[in-house]
């Protein structure tokens, strides 16, 4: 099982726009092949470090959700969150998006790092039920391609309309 990885893509638009699309976790279903939706926890009105949300995932017949916490919120530069371990789901993964201004727009790097592995029996089950979790990079590439498509095709997007 890979415990970390990253993918990078160039998107022909302003880093603040791309950041805004990623940091608005309620839009993740537009980009991710696995995470279908996310909702901010009650009382959260702005993206800030410590804010929490719940993501809902689907892969084949499997469905599950995870509570997540924003750990970095730097508009136009970096957005990161971690899955919060629980008594049932003991693992934790840090997901990071970095945005770098380049001549053509924005270089976006999405990375993950499993900072707390699941118990060995769960890893064995993942091999059979969710084999793509052994290396998340292909799914991340699909996410960034969908993000690129939306960011470059969204004529209604400006740095002011996407926070």
N, C-alpha and C. Protein backbone atom coordinates (compact mmCIF):
# COMPACT_ATOMS: atom_id res chain seq x y z
N UNK A 1 0.85 -1.18 0.00
CA UNK A 1 0.00 0.00 0.00
C UNK A 1 0.90 1.24 0.00
N UNK A 2 0.68 2.13 -0.99
CA UNK A 2 1.41 3.40 -1.02
C UNK A 2 0.88 4.28 0.10
N UNK A 3 1.78 4.87 0.85
CA UNK A 3 1.35 5.74 1.95
C UNK A 3 1.40 7.21 1.59
N UNK A 4 1.88 7.52 0.38
CA UNK A 4 1.88 8.91 -0.07
C UNK A 4 2.00 8.96 -1.59
N UNK A 5 1.65 10.09 -2.14
CA UNK A 5 1.77 10.27 -3.58
C UNK A 5 1.29 11.66 -3.95
N UNK A 6 1.64 12.08 -5.16
CA UNK A 6 1.15 13.37 -5.63
C UNK A 6 1.03 13.36 -7.15
N UNK A 7 0.20 14.26 -7.65
CA UNK A 7 0.02 14.48 -9.08
C UNK A 7 -0.05 15.99 -9.29
N UNK A 8 0.38 16.43 -10.46
CA UNK A 8 0.42 17.85 -10.78
C UNK A 8 -0.19 18.08 -12.15
N UNK A 9 -0.85 19.22 -12.29
CA UNK A 9 -1.45 19.61 -13.56
C UNK A 9 -1.39 21.13 -13.67
N UNK A 10 -1.36 21.63 -14.90
CA UNK A 10 -1.45 23.07 -15.12
C UNK A 10 -2.86 23.41 -15.55
N UNK A 11 -3.38 24.47 -14.96
CA UNK A 11 -4.73 24.94 -15.26
C UNK A 11 -4.62 26.40 -15.70
N UNK A 12 -5.22 26.70 -16.83
CA UNK A 12 -5.10 28.04 -17.42
C UNK A 12 -6.08 29.03 -16.82
N UNK A 13 -5.90 29.31 -15.54
CA UNK A 13 -6.69 30.33 -14.86
C UNK A 13 -5.97 30.76 -13.59
N UNK A 14 -6.48 31.77 -12.95
CA UNK A 14 -5.89 32.37 -11.76
C UNK A 14 -5.86 31.40 -10.57
N UNK A 15 -4.76 31.37 -9.79
CA UNK A 15 -4.68 30.47 -8.63
C UNK A 15 -5.81 30.68 -7.63
N UNK A 16 -6.30 31.91 -7.48
CA UNK A 16 -7.39 32.15 -6.52
C UNK A 16 -8.69 31.46 -6.96
N UNK A 17 -8.90 31.38 -8.26
CA UNK A 17 -10.09 30.70 -8.77
C UNK A 17 -9.99 29.20 -8.50
N UNK A 18 -8.84 28.62 -8.81
CA UNK A 18 -8.67 27.18 -8.60
C UNK A 18 -8.75 26.86 -7.11
N UNK A 19 -8.11 27.68 -6.28
CA UNK A 19 -8.21 27.49 -4.83
C UNK A 19 -9.67 27.52 -4.39
N UNK A 20 -10.42 28.49 -4.87
CA UNK A 20 -11.82 28.62 -4.47
C UNK A 20 -12.65 27.40 -4.81
N UNK A 21 -12.39 26.80 -5.96
CA UNK A 21 -13.12 25.59 -6.34
C UNK A 21 -12.79 24.43 -5.42
N UNK A 22 -11.51 24.30 -5.05
CA UNK A 22 -11.09 23.20 -4.17
C UNK A 22 -11.55 23.43 -2.74
N UNK A 23 -11.38 24.63 -2.24
CA UNK A 23 -11.70 24.93 -0.84
C UNK A 23 -13.19 24.91 -0.57
N UNK A 24 -14.01 25.04 -1.61
CA UNK A 24 -15.46 24.89 -1.44
C UNK A 24 -15.76 23.40 -1.50
N UNK A 25 -15.57 22.72 -0.38
CA UNK A 25 -15.67 21.26 -0.35
C UNK A 25 -17.04 20.75 -0.77
N UNK A 26 -18.05 21.61 -0.74
CA UNK A 26 -19.39 21.18 -1.17
C UNK A 26 -19.42 20.89 -2.68
N UNK A 27 -18.38 21.27 -3.40
CA UNK A 27 -18.32 21.04 -4.85
C UNK A 27 -17.51 19.80 -5.22
N UNK A 28 -16.97 19.07 -4.24
CA UNK A 28 -16.08 17.96 -4.53
C UNK A 28 -16.72 16.92 -5.44
N UNK A 29 -18.01 16.74 -5.37
CA UNK A 29 -18.70 15.77 -6.22
C UNK A 29 -18.57 16.09 -7.70
N UNK A 30 -18.27 17.35 -8.04
CA UNK A 30 -18.06 17.73 -9.44
C UNK A 30 -16.73 17.22 -9.98
N UNK A 31 -15.79 16.89 -9.09
CA UNK A 31 -14.43 16.57 -9.52
C UNK A 31 -13.99 15.15 -9.18
N UNK A 32 -14.33 14.67 -8.01
CA UNK A 32 -13.79 13.40 -7.51
C UNK A 32 -14.53 12.19 -8.07
N UNK A 33 -13.79 11.15 -8.47
CA UNK A 33 -14.47 9.92 -8.90
C UNK A 33 -14.99 9.09 -7.73
N UNK A 34 -14.64 9.46 -6.49
CA UNK A 34 -15.06 8.68 -5.33
C UNK A 34 -15.85 9.48 -4.31
N UNK A 35 -15.39 10.67 -3.96
CA UNK A 35 -16.11 11.49 -2.98
C UNK A 35 -17.27 12.17 -3.70
N UNK A 36 -18.48 11.81 -3.36
CA UNK A 36 -19.66 12.29 -4.08
C UNK A 36 -20.21 13.59 -3.54
N UNK A 37 -19.98 13.83 -2.25
CA UNK A 37 -20.49 15.07 -1.67
C UNK A 37 -19.75 15.36 -0.37
N UNK A 38 -19.85 16.60 0.05
CA UNK A 38 -19.31 17.01 1.35
C UNK A 38 -20.18 18.14 1.86
N UNK A 39 -20.33 18.18 3.16
CA UNK A 39 -21.11 19.25 3.79
C UNK A 39 -20.34 19.75 5.00
N UNK A 40 -20.32 21.08 5.11
CA UNK A 40 -19.71 21.68 6.28
C UNK A 40 -20.53 21.33 7.51
N UNK A 41 -19.87 21.14 8.62
CA UNK A 41 -20.56 20.85 9.88
C UNK A 41 -21.32 22.10 10.30
N UNK A 42 -22.40 21.93 11.05
CA UNK A 42 -23.17 23.09 11.51
C UNK A 42 -22.27 24.09 12.22
N UNK A 43 -22.53 25.36 11.94
CA UNK A 43 -21.76 26.43 12.56
C UNK A 43 -20.56 26.88 11.74
N UNK A 44 -20.27 26.17 10.65
CA UNK A 44 -19.14 26.55 9.81
C UNK A 44 -19.66 27.41 8.67
N UNK A 45 -19.14 28.62 8.57
CA UNK A 45 -19.60 29.50 7.50
C UNK A 45 -18.48 29.95 6.58
N UNK A 46 -17.23 29.82 7.02
CA UNK A 46 -16.10 30.18 6.18
C UNK A 46 -15.03 29.10 6.24
N UNK A 47 -14.23 29.02 5.19
CA UNK A 47 -13.14 28.06 5.15
C UNK A 47 -12.00 28.62 5.98
N UNK A 48 -11.70 27.94 7.07
CA UNK A 48 -10.62 28.36 7.95
C UNK A 48 -10.02 27.13 8.61
N UNK A 49 -8.81 27.25 9.08
CA UNK A 49 -8.17 26.13 9.76
C UNK A 49 -9.01 25.74 10.97
N UNK A 50 -9.23 24.44 11.11
CA UNK A 50 -10.05 23.92 12.19
C UNK A 50 -11.49 23.66 11.78
N UNK A 51 -11.94 24.22 10.64
CA UNK A 51 -13.30 23.97 10.17
C UNK A 51 -13.45 22.49 9.82
N UNK A 52 -14.64 21.96 10.06
CA UNK A 52 -14.87 20.53 9.80
C UNK A 52 -15.99 20.32 8.80
N UNK A 53 -15.86 19.22 8.08
CA UNK A 53 -16.89 18.82 7.13
C UNK A 53 -16.95 17.30 7.07
N UNK A 54 -18.04 16.79 6.53
CA UNK A 54 -18.20 15.35 6.36
C UNK A 54 -18.29 15.06 4.87
N UNK A 55 -17.39 14.18 4.41
CA UNK A 55 -17.39 13.75 3.02
C UNK A 55 -18.07 12.40 2.89
N UNK A 56 -18.84 12.24 1.82
CA UNK A 56 -19.54 10.97 1.55
C UNK A 56 -18.95 10.36 0.28
N UNK A 57 -18.55 9.09 0.39
CA UNK A 57 -17.82 8.41 -0.68
C UNK A 57 -18.58 7.20 -1.20
N UNK A 58 -18.35 6.92 -2.49
CA UNK A 58 -18.93 5.75 -3.14
C UNK A 58 -17.87 5.14 -4.04
N UNK A 59 -17.70 3.82 -3.93
CA UNK A 59 -16.82 3.06 -4.83
C UNK A 59 -17.48 1.70 -5.04
N UNK A 60 -17.99 1.49 -6.23
CA UNK A 60 -18.72 0.25 -6.49
C UNK A 60 -19.93 0.17 -5.57
N UNK A 61 -20.05 -0.92 -4.84
CA UNK A 61 -21.16 -1.08 -3.90
C UNK A 61 -20.86 -0.51 -2.52
N UNK A 62 -19.62 -0.11 -2.31
CA UNK A 62 -19.21 0.42 -1.01
C UNK A 62 -19.64 1.88 -0.87
N UNK A 63 -20.11 2.22 0.33
CA UNK A 63 -20.48 3.59 0.67
C UNK A 63 -20.01 3.86 2.10
N UNK A 64 -19.38 5.02 2.30
CA UNK A 64 -18.92 5.38 3.63
C UNK A 64 -18.74 6.89 3.70
N UNK A 65 -18.60 7.38 4.91
CA UNK A 65 -18.37 8.81 5.09
C UNK A 65 -17.23 9.00 6.08
N UNK A 66 -16.63 10.19 6.02
CA UNK A 66 -15.54 10.53 6.92
C UNK A 66 -15.68 11.97 7.37
N UNK A 67 -15.40 12.19 8.62
CA UNK A 67 -15.31 13.55 9.16
C UNK A 67 -13.90 14.04 8.85
N UNK A 68 -13.82 15.29 8.39
CA UNK A 68 -12.53 15.88 8.00
C UNK A 68 -12.36 17.24 8.66
N UNK A 69 -11.10 17.65 8.80
CA UNK A 69 -10.78 18.93 9.40
C UNK A 69 -9.78 19.68 8.51
N UNK A 70 -10.07 20.94 8.24
CA UNK A 70 -9.16 21.78 7.47
C UNK A 70 -7.93 22.08 8.32
N UNK A 71 -6.74 21.83 7.76
CA UNK A 71 -5.51 22.11 8.50
C UNK A 71 -4.73 23.28 7.90
N UNK A 72 -4.96 23.59 6.62
CA UNK A 72 -4.32 24.75 5.99
C UNK A 72 -5.33 25.42 5.07
N UNK A 73 -5.44 26.73 5.21
CA UNK A 73 -6.33 27.52 4.36
C UNK A 73 -5.63 28.83 4.00
N UNK A 74 -4.90 28.80 2.89
CA UNK A 74 -4.17 29.98 2.41
C UNK A 74 -4.66 30.26 0.99
N UNK A 75 -5.66 31.13 0.82
CA UNK A 75 -6.25 31.36 -0.49
C UNK A 75 -5.21 31.62 -1.58
N UNK A 76 -5.37 30.88 -2.68
CA UNK A 76 -4.47 31.01 -3.82
C UNK A 76 -3.15 30.29 -3.67
N UNK A 77 -2.89 29.71 -2.48
CA UNK A 77 -1.60 29.05 -2.23
C UNK A 77 -1.73 27.59 -1.82
N UNK A 78 -2.54 27.32 -0.77
CA UNK A 78 -2.61 25.95 -0.27
C UNK A 78 -3.91 25.71 0.47
N UNK A 79 -4.47 24.51 0.26
CA UNK A 79 -5.63 24.04 1.01
C UNK A 79 -5.34 22.60 1.40
N UNK A 80 -5.48 22.28 2.68
CA UNK A 80 -5.22 20.92 3.14
C UNK A 80 -6.22 20.53 4.22
N UNK A 81 -6.56 19.25 4.22
CA UNK A 81 -7.44 18.72 5.26
C UNK A 81 -7.00 17.30 5.60
N UNK A 82 -7.46 16.84 6.76
CA UNK A 82 -7.15 15.48 7.18
C UNK A 82 -8.44 14.76 7.53
N UNK A 83 -8.44 13.45 7.33
CA UNK A 83 -9.55 12.65 7.82
C UNK A 83 -9.29 12.42 9.31
N UNK A 84 -10.34 12.52 10.08
CA UNK A 84 -10.22 12.41 11.54
C UNK A 84 -10.43 10.95 11.97
N UNK A 85 -9.46 10.39 12.68
CA UNK A 85 -9.63 9.01 13.15
C UNK A 85 -10.76 8.90 14.17
N UNK A 86 -11.43 7.77 14.14
CA UNK A 86 -12.47 7.46 15.12
C UNK A 86 -12.18 6.07 15.68
N UNK A 87 -12.99 5.63 16.60
CA UNK A 87 -12.78 4.30 17.18
C UNK A 87 -12.97 3.22 16.11
N UNK A 88 -13.82 3.48 15.10
CA UNK A 88 -14.07 2.49 14.05
C UNK A 88 -13.12 2.69 12.87
N UNK A 89 -12.91 3.91 12.47
CA UNK A 89 -12.03 4.24 11.34
C UNK A 89 -10.78 4.90 11.91
N UNK A 90 -9.81 4.08 12.27
CA UNK A 90 -8.65 4.54 13.03
C UNK A 90 -7.57 5.22 12.19
N UNK A 91 -7.67 5.12 10.88
CA UNK A 91 -6.66 5.70 10.02
C UNK A 91 -6.88 7.20 9.85
N UNK A 92 -5.87 7.87 9.31
CA UNK A 92 -5.98 9.29 8.99
C UNK A 92 -5.09 9.60 7.79
N UNK A 93 -5.66 10.34 6.86
CA UNK A 93 -4.92 10.75 5.67
C UNK A 93 -4.95 12.26 5.56
N UNK A 94 -3.81 12.83 5.21
CA UNK A 94 -3.69 14.26 4.96
C UNK A 94 -3.75 14.48 3.46
N UNK A 95 -4.70 15.30 3.01
CA UNK A 95 -4.86 15.66 1.61
C UNK A 95 -4.47 17.12 1.44
N UNK A 96 -3.57 17.40 0.50
CA UNK A 96 -3.07 18.76 0.32
C UNK A 96 -3.16 19.17 -1.15
N UNK A 97 -3.59 20.39 -1.37
CA UNK A 97 -3.60 21.00 -2.71
C UNK A 97 -2.73 22.24 -2.63
N UNK A 98 -1.71 22.30 -3.49
CA UNK A 98 -0.84 23.47 -3.55
C UNK A 98 -1.03 24.16 -4.90
N UNK A 99 -1.07 25.47 -4.88
CA UNK A 99 -1.33 26.27 -6.07
C UNK A 99 -0.14 27.20 -6.29
N UNK A 100 0.45 27.13 -7.48
CA UNK A 100 1.61 27.96 -7.80
C UNK A 100 1.33 28.68 -9.10
N UNK A 101 1.50 29.99 -9.06
CA UNK A 101 1.30 30.81 -10.25
C UNK A 101 2.40 30.51 -11.27
N UNK A 102 1.99 30.23 -12.51
CA UNK A 102 2.92 30.01 -13.62
C UNK A 102 2.47 30.88 -14.78
N UNK A 103 3.28 30.97 -15.82
CA UNK A 103 2.98 31.85 -16.95
C UNK A 103 1.62 31.56 -17.57
N UNK A 104 1.21 30.29 -17.58
CA UNK A 104 -0.06 29.91 -18.21
C UNK A 104 -1.24 29.91 -17.24
N UNK A 105 -1.01 30.20 -15.98
CA UNK A 105 -2.10 30.20 -14.99
C UNK A 105 -1.66 29.65 -13.66
N UNK A 106 -2.03 28.38 -13.40
CA UNK A 106 -1.78 27.79 -12.10
C UNK A 106 -1.26 26.37 -12.24
N UNK A 107 -0.21 26.06 -11.52
CA UNK A 107 0.22 24.67 -11.37
C UNK A 107 -0.39 24.17 -10.08
N UNK A 108 -1.17 23.11 -10.17
CA UNK A 108 -1.85 22.53 -9.01
C UNK A 108 -1.23 21.17 -8.72
N UNK A 109 -0.83 20.96 -7.47
CA UNK A 109 -0.34 19.66 -7.04
C UNK A 109 -1.26 19.16 -5.93
N UNK A 110 -1.84 18.00 -6.17
CA UNK A 110 -2.63 17.33 -5.14
C UNK A 110 -1.76 16.21 -4.58
N UNK A 111 -1.73 16.11 -3.25
CA UNK A 111 -0.94 15.04 -2.63
C UNK A 111 -1.72 14.43 -1.48
N UNK A 112 -1.32 13.23 -1.14
CA UNK A 112 -1.88 12.57 0.04
C UNK A 112 -0.77 11.91 0.82
N UNK A 113 -0.98 11.81 2.10
CA UNK A 113 -0.06 11.10 2.98
C UNK A 113 -0.88 10.41 4.04
N UNK A 114 -0.77 9.11 4.10
CA UNK A 114 -1.46 8.36 5.16
C UNK A 114 -0.60 8.52 6.41
N UNK A 115 -1.09 9.30 7.35
CA UNK A 115 -0.30 9.59 8.55
C UNK A 115 -0.58 8.58 9.67
N UNK A 116 -1.68 7.87 9.54
CA UNK A 116 -1.99 6.80 10.49
C UNK A 116 -2.64 5.68 9.70
N UNK A 117 -1.92 4.57 9.59
CA UNK A 117 -2.41 3.44 8.80
C UNK A 117 -3.59 2.75 9.47
N UNK A 118 -4.48 2.18 8.66
CA UNK A 118 -5.54 1.37 9.26
C UNK A 118 -4.93 0.06 9.80
N UNK A 119 -5.66 -0.61 10.68
CA UNK A 119 -5.16 -1.90 11.19
C UNK A 119 -4.94 -2.89 10.03
N UNK A 120 -4.02 -3.83 10.21
CA UNK A 120 -3.66 -4.78 9.16
C UNK A 120 -4.85 -5.53 8.57
N UNK A 121 -5.83 -5.98 9.36
CA UNK A 121 -6.97 -6.67 8.75
C UNK A 121 -7.76 -5.76 7.79
N UNK A 122 -7.80 -4.46 8.10
CA UNK A 122 -8.50 -3.51 7.23
C UNK A 122 -7.71 -3.33 5.93
N UNK A 123 -6.39 -3.25 6.02
CA UNK A 123 -5.55 -3.14 4.81
C UNK A 123 -5.79 -4.36 3.92
N UNK A 124 -5.87 -5.53 4.52
CA UNK A 124 -6.12 -6.75 3.74
C UNK A 124 -7.49 -6.67 3.05
N UNK A 125 -8.48 -6.16 3.74
CA UNK A 125 -9.82 -6.02 3.13
C UNK A 125 -9.78 -4.99 2.00
N UNK A 126 -9.05 -3.91 2.20
CA UNK A 126 -8.95 -2.87 1.16
C UNK A 126 -8.39 -3.46 -0.13
N UNK A 127 -7.41 -4.34 -0.01
CA UNK A 127 -6.81 -4.97 -1.19
C UNK A 127 -7.88 -5.64 -2.06
N UNK A 128 -8.92 -6.17 -1.44
CA UNK A 128 -9.95 -6.90 -2.18
C UNK A 128 -11.14 -6.02 -2.56
N UNK A 129 -11.54 -5.14 -1.66
CA UNK A 129 -12.77 -4.37 -1.86
C UNK A 129 -12.52 -3.03 -2.54
N UNK A 130 -11.43 -2.37 -2.20
CA UNK A 130 -11.10 -1.05 -2.75
C UNK A 130 -9.65 -1.05 -3.24
N UNK A 131 -9.33 -1.86 -4.23
CA UNK A 131 -7.92 -1.99 -4.63
C UNK A 131 -7.30 -0.68 -5.10
N UNK A 132 -8.10 0.25 -5.60
CA UNK A 132 -7.53 1.53 -6.03
C UNK A 132 -6.99 2.34 -4.85
N UNK A 133 -7.38 2.00 -3.63
CA UNK A 133 -6.85 2.69 -2.46
C UNK A 133 -5.39 2.29 -2.17
N UNK A 134 -4.89 1.29 -2.86
CA UNK A 134 -3.49 0.91 -2.69
C UNK A 134 -2.57 1.93 -3.34
N UNK A 135 -3.08 2.70 -4.29
CA UNK A 135 -2.35 3.80 -4.93
C UNK A 135 -3.39 4.79 -5.45
N UNK A 136 -3.56 5.89 -4.75
CA UNK A 136 -4.62 6.85 -5.07
C UNK A 136 -4.29 7.77 -6.23
N UNK A 137 -3.07 7.74 -6.75
CA UNK A 137 -2.68 8.70 -7.78
C UNK A 137 -3.54 8.68 -9.04
N UNK A 138 -3.95 7.53 -9.57
CA UNK A 138 -4.81 7.58 -10.76
C UNK A 138 -6.15 8.31 -10.50
N UNK A 139 -6.75 8.10 -9.34
CA UNK A 139 -7.98 8.82 -8.99
C UNK A 139 -7.70 10.31 -8.83
N UNK A 140 -6.56 10.65 -8.25
CA UNK A 140 -6.21 12.05 -8.08
C UNK A 140 -6.03 12.73 -9.44
N UNK A 141 -5.45 12.01 -10.40
CA UNK A 141 -5.28 12.57 -11.74
C UNK A 141 -6.64 12.86 -12.37
N UNK A 142 -7.59 11.95 -12.18
CA UNK A 142 -8.95 12.18 -12.70
C UNK A 142 -9.59 13.39 -12.02
N UNK A 143 -9.36 13.54 -10.72
CA UNK A 143 -9.90 14.70 -10.00
C UNK A 143 -9.34 15.99 -10.57
N UNK A 144 -8.03 16.04 -10.77
CA UNK A 144 -7.42 17.26 -11.28
C UNK A 144 -7.83 17.55 -12.73
N UNK A 145 -8.03 16.52 -13.53
CA UNK A 145 -8.51 16.73 -14.90
C UNK A 145 -9.91 17.35 -14.88
N UNK A 146 -10.77 16.85 -14.01
CA UNK A 146 -12.13 17.42 -13.89
C UNK A 146 -12.08 18.85 -13.36
N UNK A 147 -11.20 19.11 -12.42
CA UNK A 147 -11.02 20.46 -11.89
C UNK A 147 -10.55 21.40 -13.01
N UNK A 148 -9.61 20.96 -13.81
CA UNK A 148 -9.10 21.75 -14.94
C UNK A 148 -10.24 22.07 -15.91
N UNK A 149 -11.00 21.05 -16.25
CA UNK A 149 -12.12 21.24 -17.19
C UNK A 149 -13.09 22.30 -16.67
N UNK A 150 -13.43 22.22 -15.40
CA UNK A 150 -14.37 23.18 -14.82
C UNK A 150 -13.76 24.57 -14.72
N UNK A 151 -12.52 24.65 -14.24
CA UNK A 151 -11.88 25.96 -14.04
C UNK A 151 -11.65 26.68 -15.36
N UNK A 152 -11.28 25.94 -16.39
CA UNK A 152 -10.99 26.58 -17.68
C UNK A 152 -12.25 26.86 -18.48
N UNK A 153 -13.33 26.14 -18.19
CA UNK A 153 -14.56 26.33 -18.95
C UNK A 153 -15.58 27.20 -18.27
N UNK A 154 -15.29 27.64 -17.05
CA UNK A 154 -16.27 28.39 -16.28
C UNK A 154 -16.20 29.87 -16.52
N UNK A 155 -16.91 30.36 -17.53
CA UNK A 155 -16.86 31.79 -17.85
C UNK A 155 -17.44 32.65 -16.73
N UNK A 156 -18.21 32.05 -15.83
CA UNK A 156 -18.79 32.81 -14.73
C UNK A 156 -17.84 32.91 -13.54
N UNK A 157 -16.64 32.33 -13.66
CA UNK A 157 -15.71 32.31 -12.54
C UNK A 157 -14.76 33.50 -12.59
N UNK A 158 -14.69 34.22 -11.48
CA UNK A 158 -13.70 35.27 -11.29
C UNK A 158 -13.17 35.12 -9.88
N UNK A 159 -12.02 35.69 -9.56
CA UNK A 159 -11.51 35.58 -8.20
C UNK A 159 -12.50 36.12 -7.17
N UNK A 160 -13.35 37.05 -7.56
CA UNK A 160 -14.32 37.62 -6.61
C UNK A 160 -15.52 36.70 -6.40
N UNK A 161 -15.89 35.89 -7.40
CA UNK A 161 -17.07 35.03 -7.24
C UNK A 161 -16.72 33.68 -6.64
N UNK A 162 -15.44 33.32 -6.64
CA UNK A 162 -15.01 32.04 -6.07
C UNK A 162 -14.12 32.36 -4.89
N UNK A 163 -14.57 32.05 -3.70
CA UNK A 163 -13.79 32.33 -2.49
C UNK A 163 -13.04 31.09 -2.17
